[in-house]
Protein backbone atom coordinates (compact mmCIF):
# COMPACT_ATOMS: atom_id res chain seq x y z
CA MET A 1 -34.20 11.49 7.89
CA ARG A 2 -33.80 11.70 3.75
CA ARG A 3 -33.07 15.53 4.43
CA VAL A 4 -30.39 14.62 7.08
CA LEU A 5 -28.59 11.82 4.91
CA MET A 6 -29.01 14.28 2.23
CA VAL A 7 -26.90 17.02 4.23
CA VAL A 8 -24.66 14.45 5.34
CA VAL A 9 -23.95 13.04 1.64
CA LEU A 10 -23.41 16.64 0.24
CA GLY A 11 -21.32 17.36 2.95
CA LEU A 12 -18.84 14.41 2.58
CA ALA A 13 -19.22 15.06 -1.18
CA GLY A 14 -17.80 18.51 -0.91
CA LEU A 15 -15.17 16.91 1.37
CA VAL A 16 -14.11 14.22 -1.34
CA ALA A 17 -13.68 17.26 -3.69
CA VAL A 18 -11.49 19.51 -1.71
CA ALA A 19 -9.09 16.50 -0.50
CA ALA A 20 -8.70 15.03 -4.10
CA PRO A 21 -5.21 15.78 -5.57
CA ALA A 22 -5.18 19.32 -7.08
CA THR A 23 -2.64 20.73 -9.93
CA ALA A 24 -0.78 22.53 -6.97
CA ASP A 25 2.16 20.64 -5.49
CA PRO A 26 2.44 22.18 -2.02
CA ALA A 27 5.37 21.32 0.16
CA GLY A 28 4.69 18.90 2.72
CA PRO A 29 6.54 17.28 5.92
CA THR A 30 9.56 15.81 4.68
CA HIS A 31 13.23 14.11 5.72
CA TYR A 32 15.14 16.48 3.32
CA ARG A 33 16.71 19.76 4.27
CA ALA A 34 18.66 22.05 1.53
CA THR A 35 20.83 24.66 3.16
CA ILE A 36 22.48 27.63 1.40
CA THR A 37 26.07 27.47 2.36
CA SER A 38 27.30 30.38 0.40
CA ILE A 39 26.76 33.19 -2.57
CA ASP A 40 29.23 33.70 -4.90
CA ALA A 41 30.02 36.49 -7.12
CA LEU A 42 32.63 37.59 -9.18
CA ASP A 43 32.93 40.94 -7.43
CA GLY A 44 31.92 39.75 -4.03
CA GLY A 45 28.56 39.65 -2.20
CA ALA A 46 24.96 40.35 -3.51
CA PRO A 47 23.66 43.24 -2.28
CA GLY A 48 19.85 43.72 -3.05
CA VAL A 49 18.76 40.10 -2.98
CA ASP A 50 17.90 37.49 -0.29
CA VAL A 51 17.48 33.92 -1.21
CA GLU A 52 15.88 31.14 0.92
CA ILE A 53 14.72 27.46 0.72
CA LEU A 54 11.37 26.89 1.93
CA GLY A 55 9.75 23.57 3.09
CA GLY A 56 12.84 21.68 3.90
CA ASP A 57 13.63 21.44 0.15
CA ALA A 58 10.60 22.24 -1.72
CA PHE A 59 11.01 25.93 -2.92
CA VAL A 60 13.84 28.43 -3.39
CA VAL A 61 12.36 31.80 -2.54
CA VAL A 62 14.29 35.03 -3.82
CA ARG A 63 13.48 38.30 -2.55
CA ALA A 64 14.45 41.30 -4.35
CA ASP A 65 14.96 44.91 -2.71
CA PRO A 66 13.07 47.91 -4.72
CA GLY A 67 15.46 49.23 -7.53
CA THR A 68 16.92 45.67 -7.49
CA VAL A 69 16.76 43.64 -11.03
CA VAL A 70 17.09 39.61 -10.42
CA GLU A 71 17.28 37.01 -13.66
CA VAL A 72 17.26 33.52 -13.06
CA PRO A 73 18.04 31.25 -15.73
CA GLY A 74 16.52 27.80 -16.69
CA TYR A 75 18.13 24.51 -16.87
CA ASP A 76 19.21 25.39 -20.42
CA GLY A 77 20.32 28.58 -19.39
CA GLU A 78 17.23 30.14 -21.07
CA PRO A 79 15.18 33.20 -19.17
CA TYR A 80 13.07 32.01 -16.44
CA VAL A 81 12.05 34.19 -13.98
CA ARG A 82 12.99 38.22 -13.78
CA ILE A 83 12.18 40.57 -11.06
CA ASP A 84 12.42 43.91 -12.37
CA ALA A 85 13.58 47.17 -10.24
CA ASP A 86 9.78 48.01 -9.41
CA GLY A 87 9.10 44.46 -7.80
CA ALA A 88 7.16 43.14 -10.71
CA VAL A 89 8.00 39.33 -11.29
CA HIS A 90 7.59 37.85 -14.60
CA VAL A 91 7.94 34.38 -15.88
CA ASN A 92 8.90 33.03 -19.42
CA GLN A 93 6.04 30.68 -20.75
CA LEU A 94 8.44 29.52 -23.23
CA SER A 95 11.25 28.22 -20.58
CA PRO A 96 11.29 24.29 -20.12
CA ALA A 97 11.78 25.05 -16.56
CA ARG A 98 8.50 27.28 -16.21
CA TRP A 99 6.49 23.71 -16.88
CA LEU A 100 8.86 21.31 -15.30
CA ASN A 101 9.00 23.18 -11.93
CA ASP A 102 5.13 23.00 -11.73
CA GLU A 103 5.52 19.71 -9.74
CA ARG A 104 8.02 18.48 -7.10
CA TYR A 105 9.01 15.53 -9.28
CA GLY A 106 8.33 17.47 -12.61
CA ALA A 107 11.68 16.96 -13.96
CA ALA A 108 11.86 13.06 -13.53
CA SER A 109 10.78 12.49 -17.07
CA MET A 110 12.43 15.44 -18.25
CA GLU A 111 9.42 16.45 -20.55
CA ALA A 112 7.70 19.92 -21.30
CA PRO A 113 5.26 20.88 -23.50
CA PRO A 114 6.02 21.37 -27.24
CA GLN A 115 5.66 25.07 -27.22
CA ALA A 116 8.58 25.30 -24.68
CA ASP A 117 11.67 26.07 -26.39
CA ALA A 118 14.84 27.38 -24.55
CA GLU A 119 16.12 28.94 -27.76
CA ALA A 120 13.13 31.00 -28.57
CA PRO A 121 12.47 34.72 -27.26
CA PRO A 122 11.04 35.01 -24.14
CA GLN A 123 7.28 35.51 -23.61
CA TRP A 124 7.03 36.81 -20.43
CA THR A 125 3.74 37.08 -18.31
CA LEU A 126 3.34 38.92 -15.06
CA ALA A 127 3.48 36.41 -11.94
CA ALA A 128 3.53 38.63 -9.07
CA ARG A 129 4.41 41.85 -7.34
CA GLY A 130 6.30 42.80 -4.52
CA GLY A 131 9.36 41.16 -5.61
CA GLU A 132 9.62 37.98 -4.46
CA TYR A 133 9.05 34.64 -6.11
CA ALA A 134 9.23 30.83 -5.19
CA TRP A 135 9.78 27.72 -7.36
CA HIS A 136 10.41 24.09 -7.34
CA ASP A 137 14.03 23.76 -8.30
CA HIS A 138 15.15 20.43 -9.32
CA ARG A 139 18.91 21.14 -8.73
CA VAL A 140 18.03 21.50 -4.87
CA HIS A 141 16.00 18.42 -3.93
CA PHE A 142 16.15 14.78 -4.89
CA MET A 143 13.90 13.82 -7.70
CA SER A 144 12.16 10.48 -6.64
CA PRO A 145 9.84 9.46 -3.58
CA ALA A 146 11.92 6.48 -3.07
CA LEU A 147 15.15 7.33 -0.82
CA PRO A 148 18.53 7.89 -2.38
CA PRO A 149 20.67 4.97 -2.74
CA GLN A 150 23.21 6.44 -0.10
CA VAL A 151 20.69 6.93 2.91
CA ASP A 152 20.09 4.37 5.66
CA PRO A 153 16.60 5.18 7.00
CA ASP A 154 17.56 3.55 10.14
CA ALA A 155 20.43 5.77 10.69
CA VAL A 156 20.09 8.56 13.84
CA THR A 157 22.29 10.84 12.12
CA GLU A 158 22.00 13.34 9.27
CA GLN A 159 23.08 11.83 5.88
CA PRO A 160 24.49 14.25 3.14
CA ILE A 161 22.93 13.73 -0.18
CA TRP A 162 24.86 16.30 -2.56
CA ASP A 163 26.04 19.91 -3.03
CA TRP A 164 24.13 21.88 -5.33
CA SER A 165 24.16 25.26 -7.06
CA VAL A 166 21.66 27.74 -8.61
CA PRO A 167 22.93 30.60 -11.03
CA MET A 168 21.05 33.94 -11.04
CA HIS A 169 22.05 37.57 -12.21
CA VAL A 170 21.58 40.67 -9.71
CA ASP A 171 21.66 43.85 -11.65
CA GLY A 172 23.63 42.40 -14.62
CA ARG A 173 26.09 40.38 -11.85
CA GLU A 174 26.33 36.55 -12.24
CA ILE A 175 25.99 35.28 -8.85
CA THR A 176 25.89 31.63 -7.71
CA VAL A 177 23.87 30.27 -4.88
CA ASN A 178 25.50 27.57 -3.35
CA GLY A 179 23.90 24.88 -0.85
CA GLU A 180 23.76 21.38 0.39
CA LEU A 181 21.01 18.69 0.81
CA VAL A 182 20.85 16.07 3.47
CA TRP A 183 18.50 13.64 4.74
CA VAL A 184 17.49 14.12 8.40
CA PRO A 185 16.12 11.16 10.46
CA GLY A 186 12.71 11.59 12.11
CA PRO A 187 10.90 9.94 15.16
CA ARG A 188 9.88 6.42 15.66
CA PRO A 189 6.15 5.89 14.52
CA VAL A 190 5.54 4.15 18.01
CA VAL A 191 5.54 7.57 19.84
CA PRO A 192 3.02 9.60 17.98
CA VAL A 193 0.66 6.49 17.19
CA GLY A 194 0.80 5.99 20.91
CA LEU A 195 0.00 9.45 21.73
CA ILE A 196 -2.73 9.59 19.40
CA VAL A 197 -4.09 6.24 20.95
CA VAL A 198 -4.32 7.82 24.41
CA ALA A 199 -5.58 11.17 23.13
CA THR A 200 -8.44 9.19 21.15
CA LEU A 201 -9.26 7.26 24.57
CA LEU A 202 -9.38 10.36 26.55
CA ALA A 203 -11.86 12.25 23.87
CA LEU A 204 -14.10 8.90 23.72
CA ALA A 205 -14.18 9.12 27.59
CA VAL A 206 -15.42 12.56 27.60
CA VAL A 207 -18.00 12.26 24.81
CA LEU A 208 -19.57 8.90 25.92
CA GLN A 209 -19.82 10.57 29.44
CA TRP A 210 -21.01 13.80 28.41
CA PRO A 211 -22.51 13.75 24.73
CA ALA A 212 -22.98 17.51 24.99
CA ALA A 213 -19.27 17.83 24.99
CA ALA A 214 -19.15 16.53 21.31
CA PRO A 215 -20.03 19.67 19.55
CA LEU A 216 -17.93 21.69 21.64
CA LEU A 217 -14.41 19.59 21.00
CA VAL A 218 -15.31 19.66 17.05
CA LEU A 219 -15.47 23.52 17.20
CA ALA A 220 -12.25 23.87 19.26
CA ALA A 221 -10.56 21.48 17.04
CA SER A 222 -12.17 22.95 13.71
CA ILE A 223 -11.01 26.50 14.82
CA ALA A 224 -7.54 25.43 15.80
CA THR A 225 -6.85 23.60 12.59
CA GLY A 226 -8.61 26.31 10.71
CA ALA A 227 -6.49 29.27 11.98
CA VAL A 228 -3.10 26.96 11.58
CA SER A 229 -4.07 26.23 7.98
CA VAL A 230 -4.62 30.37 7.47
CA VAL A 231 -1.15 31.04 8.89
CA LYS A 232 0.44 28.34 6.69
CA LEU A 233 -1.32 29.66 3.59
CA LEU A 234 -0.27 33.30 4.12
CA ASP A 235 3.23 32.07 4.76
CA VAL A 236 3.41 30.63 1.06
CA PRO A 237 5.12 33.33 -1.06
CA ALA A 238 4.16 33.97 -4.75
CA GLY A 239 4.81 31.08 -7.11
CA GLY A 240 4.66 28.67 -4.01
CA ASP A 241 1.83 26.23 -4.19
CA ALA A 242 -0.54 25.81 -1.10
CA GLU A 243 -3.06 23.29 -0.03
CA PRO A 244 -6.47 24.80 -0.05
CA ALA A 245 -8.26 21.56 1.60
CA LEU A 246 -6.27 22.27 5.09
CA LEU A 247 -8.37 25.54 5.19
CA VAL A 248 -11.62 23.87 3.66
CA LEU A 249 -11.82 20.91 5.83
CA PRO A 250 -12.20 22.59 8.98
CA ALA A 251 -14.74 24.69 7.52
CA VAL A 252 -16.93 22.15 6.18
CA ALA A 253 -16.78 20.69 9.85
CA ILE A 254 -18.11 23.84 11.15
CA GLY A 255 -20.91 23.97 8.30
CA LEU A 256 -21.67 19.96 9.47
CA LEU A 257 -21.64 21.04 13.23
CA VAL A 258 -24.06 23.93 12.60
CA VAL A 259 -26.71 22.02 10.89
CA GLY A 260 -26.22 19.27 13.41
CA VAL A 261 -27.04 21.52 16.24
CA GLY A 262 -29.81 23.21 14.91
CA LEU A 263 -31.53 20.10 13.74
CA GLY A 264 -30.92 18.62 17.33
CA ARG A 265 -33.22 20.91 18.68
CA ARG A 266 -36.15 19.32 17.04
CA GLU A 267 -34.91 15.87 16.58
CA ALA A 268 -32.09 15.26 18.91
CA SER A 269 -30.79 12.04 17.49
CA ARG A 270 -30.54 13.09 14.02
CA GLY A 271 -28.80 16.17 15.05
CA ARG A 272 -26.33 14.03 17.02
CA LEU A 273 -25.77 12.33 13.58
CA ILE A 274 -24.89 15.17 11.64
CA THR A 275 -22.66 16.36 14.31
CA GLY A 276 -20.91 13.44 14.42
CA ALA A 277 -20.45 13.26 10.70
CA ALA A 278 -18.43 16.91 11.38
CA GLY A 279 -15.45 14.83 12.77
CA ILE A 280 -14.75 13.23 9.34
CA PRO A 281 -13.34 16.36 7.99
CA LEU A 282 -11.00 16.33 11.09
CA LEU A 283 -9.79 12.90 10.06
CA VAL A 284 -9.06 13.95 6.55
CA TRP A 285 -7.23 17.02 7.87
CA GLY A 286 -5.45 14.74 10.15
CA ILE A 287 -4.42 12.38 7.27
CA LEU A 288 -3.63 15.06 5.11
CA GLN A 289 -0.95 16.36 7.76
CA SER A 290 0.12 12.88 9.10
CA GLY A 291 3.30 12.98 7.94
CA ALA A 292 4.43 15.74 10.49
CA LEU A 293 4.14 12.38 13.17
CA THR A 294 6.96 10.77 11.78
CA ARG A 295 9.02 13.59 9.61
CA PRO A 296 11.36 16.05 11.20
CA ILE A 297 10.76 18.84 8.83
CA VAL A 298 7.06 20.45 8.58
CA PRO A 299 6.62 23.50 6.40
CA GLY A 300 4.98 26.65 7.75
CA PRO A 301 5.79 28.95 10.50
CA LEU A 302 4.78 26.82 13.35
CA PRO A 303 6.88 24.56 15.42
CA VAL A 304 6.71 20.85 14.29
CA GLU A 305 5.72 19.96 17.96
CA ALA A 306 2.61 22.26 17.87
CA VAL A 307 1.48 20.84 14.44
CA ARG A 308 2.06 17.25 16.03
CA GLY A 309 -0.11 18.34 18.78
CA LEU A 310 -2.85 19.58 16.13
CA VAL A 311 -2.52 16.53 14.03
CA THR A 312 -3.01 14.27 17.43
CA MET A 313 -6.01 16.40 18.27
CA ALA A 314 -7.65 16.20 15.01
CA PHE A 315 -7.57 12.43 14.96
CA ALA A 316 -8.64 12.37 18.58
CA VAL A 317 -11.49 14.56 18.29
CA GLY A 318 -12.57 13.30 14.64
CA ILE A 319 -12.67 9.63 16.00
CA ALA A 320 -14.68 10.49 19.26
CA SER A 321 -17.03 12.58 17.23
CA VAL A 322 -17.82 9.86 14.49
CA THR A 323 -18.26 7.41 17.35
CA ALA A 324 -20.65 9.51 19.08
CA GLY A 325 -22.53 10.27 15.97
CA VAL A 326 -22.85 6.52 15.17
CA LEU A 327 -24.00 5.46 18.72
CA ALA A 328 -26.59 8.07 18.48
CA ALA A 329 -27.83 6.92 15.13
CA VAL A 330 -27.83 3.25 16.49
CA THR A 331 -29.75 4.12 19.74
CA ALA A 332 -32.30 6.03 17.65
CA THR A 333 -32.62 3.18 15.23
CA SER A 334 -33.20 0.87 18.41
CA VAL A 335 -35.77 3.06 20.14
CA ASP A 336 -37.72 3.34 16.78
CA GLU A 337 -37.89 -0.42 16.43
CA ALA A 338 -38.65 -1.07 19.87
CA THR A 339 -41.89 1.55 19.87
CA PRO A 340 -44.88 -0.24 18.79
CA ALA A 341 -46.93 1.25 15.88
CA PRO A 342 -50.15 2.99 16.55
CA VAL A 343 -53.19 1.00 16.45
CA ARG A 344 -56.24 2.42 14.19
CA ASP A 345 -59.71 2.14 15.14
């Protein structure tokens, strides 16, 4: 039993480690949508460059065609990002924007490290290749987790926040990317919560009627959530932040599942306990993605309905798996206590 508990503790310790807040600031489900409305240039048009907003309002992404040079100034007009004709992306380490853009709300305090100096000559470092780069641009999104004062959270229609603009230079020509930021209402919590309750009751009914189905449900949910996490990570461009826990958590679940099934061949009750613990990473995965249930914009290439279905599945299977593991442990303990100790002659 000590070995069993050690495996569970080590697995959960790894779970806590990967789920802890990291330095990265990935895009999450949101009510905000930033949209590009026009790109103004003195000589008309901006051939050779494509600008996009990812994650609702999280990242500005610039893609330059081969042979095109793109320069993005920082908030003080200093050199910030440069994409060379060969696709090499360089970032000025002395630009205050380089540091303020590390986090979604990084410019709220308007502080940068002492070495940041908009007047200093640029100190370029290679950040990526391929002519593509993304960053948190604080001109594009609202700089507080609190709602803007003009937004009514009970409204059922989109509400404008402000118009924004980001200057750039393409092959030496000045352009301005213009857009608007709006707040988008999401679904009421009662619907997704109701679906989770129904799905959890169904999953519980299955694992309680057929205990052997619990590992299969955990495996299917882990593969599904892991595949979605891989797709989402691959969709993040250079400069954008990803959430590695979304990929590690399903792997932890599968690892605990393998240990539990292997141990169950010798000790059935203890194997079920480990298998039940495999549901905990799925629960944490669901918690990390729970914003998708009530927010209308979910980063990534998948439809928001698909992500909501996966979150519901993660919660339902996780709760059912943990419940089955706890019941197995309680049953094993009751049997051990009821079994009389052998009498020695």
